[in-house]
Amino acid sequence: MSILENKQRFCNRLKALREGKKLTVEELAQCSGVALTILEELEREVLPDEMMLHDAVLLAKAFDCKIYELFE
């Protein structure tokens, strides 16, 4: 799988998880601690340069899942 495919899978999975929990992007930013600007870019399938691994950890915790599940 290419880097582009992984990025798209990650972004699509985040959006699906967020919508499944009926959260707005703003609510996800609040409950996860990930910056709203990062989440807004991810929603547009853009992987922000400022995103760190710690942000993925925070998102996994917010969705009560393992990091690898964000790529399924």
Protein backbone atom coordinates (compact mmCIF):
# COMPACT_ATOMS: atom_id res chain seq x y z
CA MET A 1 0.00 0.00 0.00
CA SER A 2 1.34 3.44 -0.92
CA ILE A 3 1.83 6.37 1.41
CA LEU A 4 -1.01 8.18 -0.34
CA GLU A 5 -3.35 5.22 0.19
CA ASN A 6 -2.38 5.04 3.87
CA LYS A 7 -3.02 8.76 4.31
CA GLN A 8 -6.43 8.52 2.65
CA ARG A 9 -7.34 5.47 4.71
CA PHE A 10 -6.32 7.26 7.93
CA CYS A 11 -8.28 10.42 7.08
CA ASN A 12 -11.37 8.51 5.98
CA ARG A 13 -11.29 6.32 9.08
CA LEU A 14 -11.03 9.35 11.38
CA LYS A 15 -13.99 10.97 9.71
CA ALA A 16 -16.05 7.75 9.90
CA LEU A 17 -15.20 7.29 13.59
CA ARG A 18 -16.05 10.94 14.34
CA GLU A 19 -19.36 10.71 12.51
CA GLY A 20 -20.11 7.38 14.18
CA LYS A 21 -19.78 9.05 17.56
CA LYS A 22 -21.87 11.97 16.28
CA LEU A 23 -19.12 14.46 17.08
CA THR A 24 -18.37 17.69 15.28
CA VAL A 25 -14.76 18.44 14.42
CA GLU A 26 -14.79 21.05 17.18
CA GLU A 27 -16.05 18.52 19.74
CA LEU A 28 -13.39 16.01 18.69
CA ALA A 29 -10.72 18.69 19.13
CA GLN A 30 -12.00 19.36 22.65
CA CYS A 31 -12.26 15.75 23.77
CA SER A 32 -9.02 14.57 22.15
CA GLY A 33 -6.74 17.54 22.78
CA VAL A 34 -5.72 17.60 19.09
CA ALA A 35 -5.67 21.07 17.56
CA LEU A 36 -8.75 22.00 15.56
CA THR A 37 -6.58 23.15 12.65
CA ILE A 38 -5.01 19.68 12.41
CA LEU A 39 -8.40 17.98 12.46
CA GLU A 40 -9.80 20.34 9.82
CA GLU A 41 -6.91 19.48 7.50
CA LEU A 42 -7.36 15.75 8.11
CA GLU A 43 -11.04 16.13 7.19
CA ARG A 44 -9.83 17.49 3.82
CA GLU A 45 -7.45 14.49 3.49
CA VAL A 46 -4.41 16.66 4.08
CA LEU A 47 -1.79 15.32 6.48
CA PRO A 48 -0.55 18.43 8.29
CA ASP A 49 3.21 18.94 8.64
CA GLU A 50 2.72 19.83 12.29
CA MET A 51 0.92 16.59 13.14
CA MET A 52 2.90 14.38 15.50
CA LEU A 53 2.59 10.75 16.53
CA HIS A 54 1.26 11.99 19.86
CA ASP A 55 -1.76 13.43 18.02
CA ALA A 56 -2.57 9.97 16.65
CA VAL A 57 -2.27 8.56 20.19
CA LEU A 58 -4.70 11.20 21.45
CA LEU A 59 -7.15 10.40 18.66
CA ALA A 60 -6.96 6.68 19.37
CA LYS A 61 -7.70 7.38 23.04
CA ALA A 62 -10.63 9.62 22.11
CA PHE A 63 -12.09 6.82 19.98
CA ASP A 64 -11.15 4.15 22.53
CA CYS A 65 -9.17 2.15 19.98
CA LYS A 66 -5.61 1.14 19.14
CA ILE A 67 -3.58 3.34 16.79
CA TYR A 68 -3.49 0.65 14.11
CA GLU A 69 -7.30 0.65 14.08
CA LEU A 70 -7.19 4.20 12.73
CA PHE A 71 -5.83 2.73 9.48
CA GLU A 72 -8.41 -0.05 9.01
